[in-house]
Amino acid sequence: MASPARVDLDGNPIRPITICMIGAGGFIGSHLCEKLMAETPHKVLAVDVYSDKIKHLLEGPASLPWTDRIHFHRLNIKNDSRLEGLIKMSDLTINLAAICTPADYNTRPLDTIYSNFIDALPVVKYCSENNKRLIHFSTCEVYGKTIGSFLPTDHPMRQDPAYFILKEDASPCIFGPIEKQRWSYACAKQLIERLVYAEGAENGLEFTIVRPFNWIGPRMDFIPGIDGPSEGVPRVLACFSNNLLRHEPLKLVDGGQSQRTFVYIKDAIEAVLLMIENPARANGHIFNVGNPNNEVTVRQLAEMMTEVYSKVSGEPPLEVPTVDVSSKEFYGEGYDDSDKRIPDMTIINRQLGWKPKTSLWDLLESTLTYQHRTYAEAIKQVTSKPLASS
């Protein structure tokens, strides 16, 4: 019996398309590739400099139904003339490429600006000139600081959602001074958003802009010294995972008082698939994609991760599970941060009917189970090696 035809949110049949996915080998790209291969007929031209996180899709047995639908192209979009050809061959381009680790923003601001603005220019140009649809990944960091953060700490208006809920079509983008180079990332991302929007307004580019709010899950970033540089500093989930795996206290920058919302990668990928397959509803829109119900301080996140990891690993937590460090000590000069990041979900719910489902506890349990299964033995081998004699 033939399976029923897949239809979009308006009941129209979904036709198979070819997607040029730039950054397909990363955290988000690998999960999106899995989703597309398992649940859709779409073809993916996977563009990246690394393919480790999608190796299981590329090297699977020929009997798998997707082996002829995903093709890896190893290239750097900075300087490879093949990029335009791949975009021309596709119906849709998804640009995920970015330097997106806070430790790099103020220590490598030039790389950050080039990666997130200059290197993205050809992608936007080729899509516009060849009349190809673009889904561009931005960041929730474009909002910067909330209006409420500038009010006195005891001011009652700090509790008014109008001063801290972040809305795509209304909230201002408030960054720190130029010497706080941490904002190089947010500023570059905002500028490429404005360029994409202008190409849509002036030249008819079909676009969707995605603003992720802390998507977390398996395969996020790297564990330093295992599948990434020993001196590398990944984002908070991988940093805390690394500490837990090594039985070290979790480092809380400036006391871990910043507040964040977290959404499970598999929930977020459902939202992206809706954007891909419902262009009439998604084109011309900027979408927050997050889970406002999963808000905690970074300190609360550390405490919860410590508890969850003890459960999934069977190991007792440290007697002193956290230690406070200054932002200057952890990130270097020029660091600054936003206070709260709570997304307004009105637009994505209205246009695509999407709502996140997974609680913070459940997504941490799933993620830390993966981290323990993937890395615990490797770290045990590394840490048990005797130091070489001088």
Protein backbone atom coordinates (compact mmCIF):
# COMPACT_ATOMS: atom_id res chain seq x y z
CA MET A 1 0.00 0.00 0.00
CA ALA A 2 1.50 3.33 -1.06
CA SER A 3 2.17 5.86 1.69
CA PRO A 4 -0.05 8.98 1.54
CA ALA A 5 1.39 12.03 -0.19
CA ARG A 6 3.02 14.52 2.15
CA VAL A 7 1.25 17.88 2.27
CA ASP A 8 2.15 21.31 3.63
CA LEU A 9 0.21 23.27 6.26
CA ASP A 10 -2.25 24.46 3.60
CA GLY A 11 -2.91 20.94 2.27
CA ASN A 12 -0.79 21.30 -0.87
CA PRO A 13 1.42 18.38 -1.98
CA ILE A 14 5.08 18.85 -1.02
CA ARG A 15 7.32 18.36 -4.04
CA PRO A 16 10.88 17.04 -3.61
CA ILE A 17 13.50 19.80 -3.76
CA THR A 18 17.29 20.07 -3.80
CA ILE A 19 18.80 21.91 -0.81
CA CYS A 20 22.28 23.41 -0.72
CA MET A 21 23.11 23.26 3.00
CA ILE A 22 26.16 25.31 3.94
CA GLY A 23 27.51 24.14 7.30
CA ALA A 24 25.86 20.71 6.98
CA GLY A 25 28.63 19.07 9.02
CA GLY A 26 27.95 21.09 12.17
CA PHE A 27 25.68 20.58 15.17
CA ILE A 28 22.48 21.96 13.62
CA GLY A 29 23.32 20.80 10.10
CA SER A 30 23.87 17.18 11.14
CA HIS A 31 20.49 16.98 12.88
CA LEU A 32 18.76 18.69 9.95
CA CYS A 33 20.38 16.29 7.47
CA GLU A 34 19.17 13.32 9.55
CA LYS A 35 15.64 14.71 9.60
CA LEU A 36 15.59 15.36 5.86
CA MET A 37 16.97 11.92 5.01
CA ALA A 38 14.65 10.02 7.36
CA GLU A 39 11.37 11.82 6.79
CA THR A 40 11.40 13.60 3.43
CA PRO A 41 12.22 12.92 -0.25
CA HIS A 42 14.46 16.01 -0.49
CA LYS A 43 18.02 15.93 -1.80
CA VAL A 44 20.88 17.63 0.09
CA LEU A 45 24.10 19.05 -1.29
CA ALA A 46 26.01 19.09 2.02
CA VAL A 47 28.68 21.81 2.03
CA ASP A 48 31.29 22.01 4.81
CA VAL A 49 34.99 21.66 5.58
CA TYR A 50 34.28 18.75 7.98
CA SER A 51 31.96 15.78 7.65
CA ASP A 52 32.52 13.84 10.90
CA LYS A 53 29.04 14.54 12.32
CA ILE A 54 27.27 13.32 9.16
CA LYS A 55 29.63 10.43 8.38
CA HIS A 56 26.90 7.94 9.36
CA LEU A 57 24.69 9.37 6.61
CA LEU A 58 27.41 9.53 3.96
CA GLU A 59 28.94 6.11 4.55
CA GLY A 60 25.86 4.03 5.31
CA PRO A 61 25.11 0.83 3.37
CA ALA A 62 23.75 1.23 -0.14
CA SER A 63 20.47 -0.32 0.98
CA LEU A 64 19.56 2.77 2.99
CA PRO A 65 16.90 4.88 1.24
CA TRP A 66 18.91 8.12 1.31
CA THR A 67 22.31 7.11 -0.07
CA ASP A 68 21.59 8.81 -3.42
CA ARG A 69 20.00 11.89 -1.81
CA ILE A 70 22.90 13.36 0.19
CA HIS A 71 26.20 14.37 -1.41
CA PHE A 72 29.08 15.95 0.49
CA HIS A 73 31.08 18.82 -1.01
CA ARG A 74 34.20 19.70 0.96
CA LEU A 75 34.76 23.40 0.41
CA ASN A 76 35.32 26.63 2.27
CA ILE A 77 32.82 29.27 1.21
CA LYS A 78 35.47 31.99 1.68
CA ASN A 79 37.36 31.22 -1.49
CA ASP A 80 35.78 28.45 -3.55
CA SER A 81 34.31 29.23 -6.95
CA ARG A 82 32.20 26.05 -6.85
CA LEU A 83 29.77 27.60 -4.39
CA GLU A 84 27.71 29.47 -6.96
CA GLY A 85 27.34 26.33 -9.05
CA LEU A 86 25.97 24.39 -6.08
CA ILE A 87 23.50 27.18 -5.29
CA LYS A 88 22.40 27.25 -8.96
CA MET A 89 21.77 23.49 -8.83
CA SER A 90 19.50 23.88 -5.78
CA ASP A 91 15.98 25.15 -5.13
CA LEU A 92 16.83 26.34 -1.63
CA THR A 93 20.04 27.37 0.15
CA ILE A 94 20.33 27.07 3.95
CA ASN A 95 23.28 28.97 5.40
CA LEU A 96 24.40 27.66 8.79
CA ALA A 97 28.07 28.60 8.52
CA ALA A 98 29.36 30.75 11.40
CA ILE A 99 31.88 31.21 14.17
CA CYS A 100 29.45 30.97 17.07
CA THR A 101 31.40 30.36 20.29
CA PRO A 102 31.47 33.31 22.73
CA ALA A 103 35.09 32.62 23.66
CA ASP A 104 36.04 33.69 20.12
CA TYR A 105 34.03 36.91 19.88
CA ASN A 106 36.36 39.15 21.84
CA THR A 107 39.61 37.20 21.30
CA ARG A 108 39.11 36.74 17.53
CA PRO A 109 36.84 39.65 16.55
CA LEU A 110 38.25 39.92 13.02
CA ASP A 111 37.58 36.23 12.30
CA THR A 112 34.15 36.60 13.88
CA ILE A 113 33.19 39.57 11.70
CA TYR A 114 34.57 38.02 8.52
CA SER A 115 32.93 34.64 9.18
CA ASN A 116 29.51 36.03 10.02
CA PHE A 117 29.30 38.94 7.59
CA ILE A 118 31.96 39.04 4.85
CA ASP A 119 31.91 35.31 4.12
CA ALA A 120 28.11 35.29 3.97
CA LEU A 121 27.96 38.04 1.32
CA PRO A 122 28.53 35.72 -1.68
CA VAL A 123 25.80 33.36 -0.44
CA VAL A 124 23.24 36.17 -0.35
CA LYS A 125 24.50 37.53 -3.69
CA TYR A 126 24.30 34.17 -5.50
CA CYS A 127 20.81 33.44 -4.14
CA SER A 128 19.54 36.87 -5.16
CA GLU A 129 21.11 36.86 -8.63
CA ASN A 130 19.92 33.32 -9.41
CA ASN A 131 16.44 33.69 -7.91
CA LYS A 132 17.02 31.01 -5.30
CA ARG A 133 15.29 30.90 -1.95
CA LEU A 134 17.47 31.43 1.16
CA ILE A 135 17.01 30.34 4.78
CA HIS A 136 19.65 32.26 6.69
CA PHE A 137 20.61 31.37 10.25
CA SER A 138 21.20 34.35 12.48
CA THR A 139 21.23 34.39 16.31
CA CYS A 140 19.24 35.56 19.30
CA GLU A 141 22.32 37.62 20.17
CA VAL A 142 21.21 40.27 17.65
CA TYR A 143 18.85 41.54 20.35
CA GLY A 144 21.77 42.29 22.67
CA LYS A 145 20.70 43.55 26.07
CA THR A 146 17.10 43.99 27.18
CA ILE A 147 15.59 47.41 27.80
CA GLY A 148 14.93 46.28 31.35
CA SER A 149 18.62 45.71 32.05
CA PHE A 150 19.15 49.48 32.02
CA LEU A 151 16.60 50.06 34.78
CA PRO A 152 17.59 50.00 38.48
CA THR A 153 17.66 46.42 39.80
CA ASP A 154 14.69 47.07 42.11
CA HIS A 155 12.63 48.95 39.52
CA PRO A 156 9.12 47.43 39.13
CA MET A 157 9.18 47.91 35.35
CA ARG A 158 11.94 45.25 35.15
CA GLN A 159 9.13 42.75 35.76
CA ASP A 160 7.05 44.08 32.84
CA PRO A 161 7.36 41.66 29.85
CA ALA A 162 7.44 44.67 27.51
CA TYR A 163 10.93 45.39 28.82
CA PHE A 164 12.48 41.93 28.42
CA ILE A 165 10.48 39.72 26.01
CA LEU A 166 12.26 39.76 22.63
CA LYS A 167 10.06 40.34 19.56
CA GLU A 168 11.29 39.99 15.98
CA ASP A 169 9.39 43.01 14.67
CA ALA A 170 9.57 45.35 17.68
CA SER A 171 12.56 44.84 19.99
CA PRO A 172 15.60 47.09 19.52
CA CYS A 173 19.12 45.69 19.15
CA ILE A 174 21.15 47.07 22.09
CA PHE A 175 24.88 46.32 22.10
CA GLY A 176 27.66 47.37 24.43
CA PRO A 177 30.42 49.88 23.54
CA ILE A 178 32.89 49.14 20.73
CA GLU A 179 35.67 48.18 23.16
CA LYS A 180 33.44 45.32 24.34
CA GLN A 181 34.38 43.21 21.34
CA ARG A 182 32.11 40.38 22.41
CA TRP A 183 29.42 42.22 20.43
CA SER A 184 31.36 41.75 17.16
CA TYR A 185 29.35 38.56 16.56
CA ALA A 186 25.94 40.09 17.21
CA CYS A 187 26.78 43.17 15.13
CA ALA A 188 27.99 41.11 12.15
CA LYS A 189 24.88 38.93 12.35
CA GLN A 190 22.61 41.96 12.51
CA LEU A 191 24.26 43.53 9.47
CA ILE A 192 23.88 40.38 7.34
CA GLU A 193 20.23 40.20 8.43
CA ARG A 194 19.73 43.77 7.21
CA LEU A 195 21.38 42.89 3.90
CA VAL A 196 19.16 39.82 3.41
CA TYR A 197 16.09 41.88 4.27
CA ALA A 198 17.13 44.64 1.86
CA GLU A 199 17.70 42.11 -0.96
CA GLY A 200 14.17 40.89 -0.35
CA ALA A 201 12.71 44.41 -0.38
CA GLU A 202 14.65 45.74 -3.40
CA ASN A 203 15.45 42.67 -5.52
CA GLY A 204 12.75 40.17 -4.61
CA LEU A 205 14.96 37.65 -2.76
CA GLU A 206 12.80 34.96 -1.15
CA PHE A 207 14.22 34.61 2.35
CA THR A 208 13.57 33.38 5.86
CA ILE A 209 15.77 34.43 8.80
CA VAL A 210 16.10 32.12 11.82
CA ARG A 211 17.09 33.41 15.26
CA PRO A 212 18.01 30.37 17.42
CA PHE A 213 17.69 30.73 21.19
CA ASN A 214 20.22 28.30 22.70
CA TRP A 215 19.53 25.08 20.81
CA ILE A 216 21.16 22.22 22.69
CA GLY A 217 21.47 18.47 22.28
CA PRO A 218 23.80 15.66 21.19
CA ARG A 219 26.78 16.56 18.94
CA MET A 220 26.86 20.17 20.13
CA ASP A 221 30.32 21.73 19.77
CA PHE A 222 33.18 19.53 21.04
CA ILE A 223 34.86 18.19 24.15
CA PRO A 224 38.30 19.85 24.50
CA GLY A 225 41.19 17.43 24.08
CA ILE A 226 38.94 14.64 22.76
CA ASP A 227 37.33 15.80 19.50
CA GLY A 228 38.44 19.44 19.66
CA PRO A 229 41.49 21.48 20.64
CA SER A 230 42.66 21.09 24.25
CA GLU A 231 42.73 24.86 24.70
CA GLY A 232 39.35 25.36 22.99
CA VAL A 233 36.39 26.85 24.88
CA PRO A 234 33.03 25.64 23.49
CA ARG A 235 29.61 26.99 24.46
CA VAL A 236 28.13 26.52 27.91
CA LEU A 237 26.58 23.06 27.45
CA ALA A 238 29.81 21.49 26.17
CA CYS A 239 31.90 23.42 28.73
CA PHE A 240 29.80 22.09 31.59
CA SER A 241 29.71 18.60 30.05
CA ASN A 242 33.51 18.61 29.84
CA ASN A 243 33.76 19.53 33.55
CA LEU A 244 31.28 16.82 34.53
CA LEU A 245 33.06 14.17 32.47
CA ARG A 246 36.40 15.11 34.05
CA HIS A 247 34.96 15.36 37.60
CA GLU A 248 35.89 19.03 37.79
CA PRO A 249 33.82 21.90 39.26
CA LEU A 250 31.70 23.76 36.70
CA LYS A 251 33.03 27.27 36.14
CA LEU A 252 30.38 29.97 36.57
CA VAL A 253 31.30 33.20 34.77
CA ASP A 254 30.54 36.20 36.99
CA GLY A 255 28.51 33.99 39.30
CA GLY A 256 26.32 32.49 36.54
CA GLN A 257 23.65 35.18 36.96
CA SER A 258 22.83 35.57 33.24
CA GLN A 259 19.45 34.08 32.34
CA ARG A 260 18.89 31.91 29.30
CA THR A 261 16.18 29.80 27.68
CA PHE A 262 17.09 26.43 26.17
CA VAL A 263 15.33 24.42 23.47
CA TYR A 264 15.96 20.82 22.42
CA ILE A 265 17.61 20.48 19.01
CA LYS A 266 15.01 17.96 17.82
CA ASP A 267 12.15 20.37 18.62
CA ALA A 268 14.00 23.19 16.82
CA ILE A 269 14.64 21.05 13.73
CA GLU A 270 10.88 20.45 13.48
CA ALA A 271 10.51 24.23 13.16
CA VAL A 272 13.15 24.40 10.41
CA LEU A 273 11.44 21.61 8.45
CA LEU A 274 8.18 23.59 8.59
CA MET A 275 10.04 26.61 7.15
CA ILE A 276 11.54 24.49 4.37
CA GLU A 277 8.25 22.94 3.34
CA ASN A 278 5.96 25.98 3.77
CA PRO A 279 7.66 28.77 1.80
CA ALA A 280 4.40 30.68 1.34
CA ARG A 281 4.11 31.00 5.11
CA ALA A 282 7.82 31.42 5.89
CA ASN A 283 9.14 33.75 3.17
CA GLY A 284 9.83 37.31 4.28
CA HIS A 285 9.72 36.42 7.97
CA ILE A 286 12.22 36.46 10.83
CA PHE A 287 11.52 33.66 13.32
CA ASN A 288 12.54 33.32 16.95
CA VAL A 289 13.03 29.61 17.65
CA GLY A 290 13.32 28.89 21.36
CA ASN A 291 11.48 27.66 24.42
CA PRO A 292 10.42 30.45 26.82
CA ASN A 293 9.28 27.81 29.32
CA ASN A 294 12.86 26.56 29.80
CA GLU A 295 14.36 29.68 31.38
CA VAL A 296 17.06 29.37 34.06
CA THR A 297 20.12 31.25 35.25
CA VAL A 298 23.42 29.75 34.16
CA ARG A 299 23.98 28.81 37.82
CA GLN A 300 20.67 26.92 37.88
CA LEU A 301 21.66 25.20 34.63
CA ALA A 302 24.93 24.06 36.24
CA GLU A 303 23.09 22.70 39.27
CA MET A 304 20.57 20.86 37.11
CA MET A 305 23.26 19.40 34.83
CA THR A 306 25.19 18.18 37.88
CA GLU A 307 22.09 16.40 39.15
CA VAL A 308 21.16 14.93 35.77
CA TYR A 309 24.71 13.74 35.04
CA SER A 310 24.89 11.97 38.39
CA LYS A 311 21.69 10.14 37.46
CA VAL A 312 22.75 9.07 33.95
CA SER A 313 26.36 8.17 34.89
CA GLY A 314 25.77 6.61 38.31
CA GLU A 315 28.59 8.74 39.69
CA PRO A 316 28.18 10.89 42.80
CA PRO A 317 28.38 14.67 42.24
CA LEU A 318 31.38 16.62 43.53
CA GLU A 319 31.10 17.99 47.06
CA VAL A 320 31.81 21.45 45.60
CA PRO A 321 30.16 21.24 42.14
CA THR A 322 30.73 24.85 40.98
CA VAL A 323 33.36 27.57 41.21
CA ASP A 324 32.94 31.26 40.36
CA VAL A 325 35.33 32.87 37.86
CA SER A 326 35.41 36.38 36.41
CA SER A 327 34.51 36.95 32.77
CA LYS A 328 37.94 38.50 32.23
CA GLU A 329 39.65 35.38 33.59
CA PHE A 330 37.47 33.01 31.54
CA TYR A 331 36.96 34.92 28.28
CA GLY A 332 39.65 37.62 28.33
CA GLU A 333 39.40 41.37 27.81
CA GLY A 334 36.41 42.82 25.99
CA TYR A 335 33.75 40.42 27.25
CA ASP A 336 30.20 41.60 27.89
CA ASP A 337 26.89 39.78 27.96
CA SER A 338 23.15 40.07 27.63
CA ASP A 339 21.06 39.68 30.76
CA LYS A 340 18.01 37.70 29.60
CA ARG A 341 16.97 36.04 26.35
CA ILE A 342 13.29 35.13 26.31
CA PRO A 343 11.77 34.80 22.83
CA ASP A 344 8.32 35.98 21.91
CA MET A 345 6.77 33.08 19.99
CA THR A 346 3.79 34.86 18.40
CA ILE A 347 5.03 34.98 14.80
CA ILE A 348 6.28 31.40 14.44
CA ASN A 349 3.17 30.06 16.14
CA ARG A 350 0.90 32.13 13.88
CA GLN A 351 2.72 31.33 10.64
CA LEU A 352 3.81 27.72 11.20
CA GLY A 353 1.87 26.50 14.23
CA TRP A 354 5.12 25.50 15.94
CA LYS A 355 5.57 25.13 19.69
CA PRO A 356 8.49 23.46 21.53
CA LYS A 357 7.65 20.32 23.50
CA THR A 358 10.65 19.12 25.49
CA SER A 359 11.27 20.21 29.09
CA LEU A 360 14.71 21.33 30.21
CA TRP A 361 15.16 18.27 32.43
CA ASP A 362 14.26 15.87 29.60
CA LEU A 363 16.51 17.53 27.03
CA LEU A 364 19.42 17.57 29.51
CA GLU A 365 18.88 13.91 30.35
CA SER A 366 18.90 12.96 26.66
CA THR A 367 21.95 15.12 25.93
CA LEU A 368 24.03 14.09 28.94
CA THR A 369 23.25 10.41 28.32
CA TYR A 370 24.77 10.91 24.86
CA GLN A 371 27.75 12.83 26.27
CA HIS A 372 28.50 10.12 28.84
CA ARG A 373 28.13 7.29 26.34
CA THR A 374 30.26 9.05 23.74
CA TYR A 375 33.05 10.59 25.81
CA ALA A 376 33.38 9.07 29.29
CA GLU A 377 35.70 6.22 28.28
CA ALA A 378 37.87 8.44 26.08
CA ILE A 379 38.33 10.96 28.88
CA LYS A 380 39.10 8.16 31.36
CA GLN A 381 41.88 6.94 29.07
CA VAL A 382 43.31 10.44 28.62
CA THR A 383 43.24 11.34 32.31
CA SER A 384 44.67 7.99 33.45
CA LYS A 385 47.83 8.28 31.32
CA PRO A 386 50.89 8.91 33.52
CA LEU A 387 52.62 12.24 33.02
CA ALA A 388 55.89 11.98 31.09
CA SER A 389 58.97 12.44 33.30
CA SER A 390 60.81 15.69 32.81
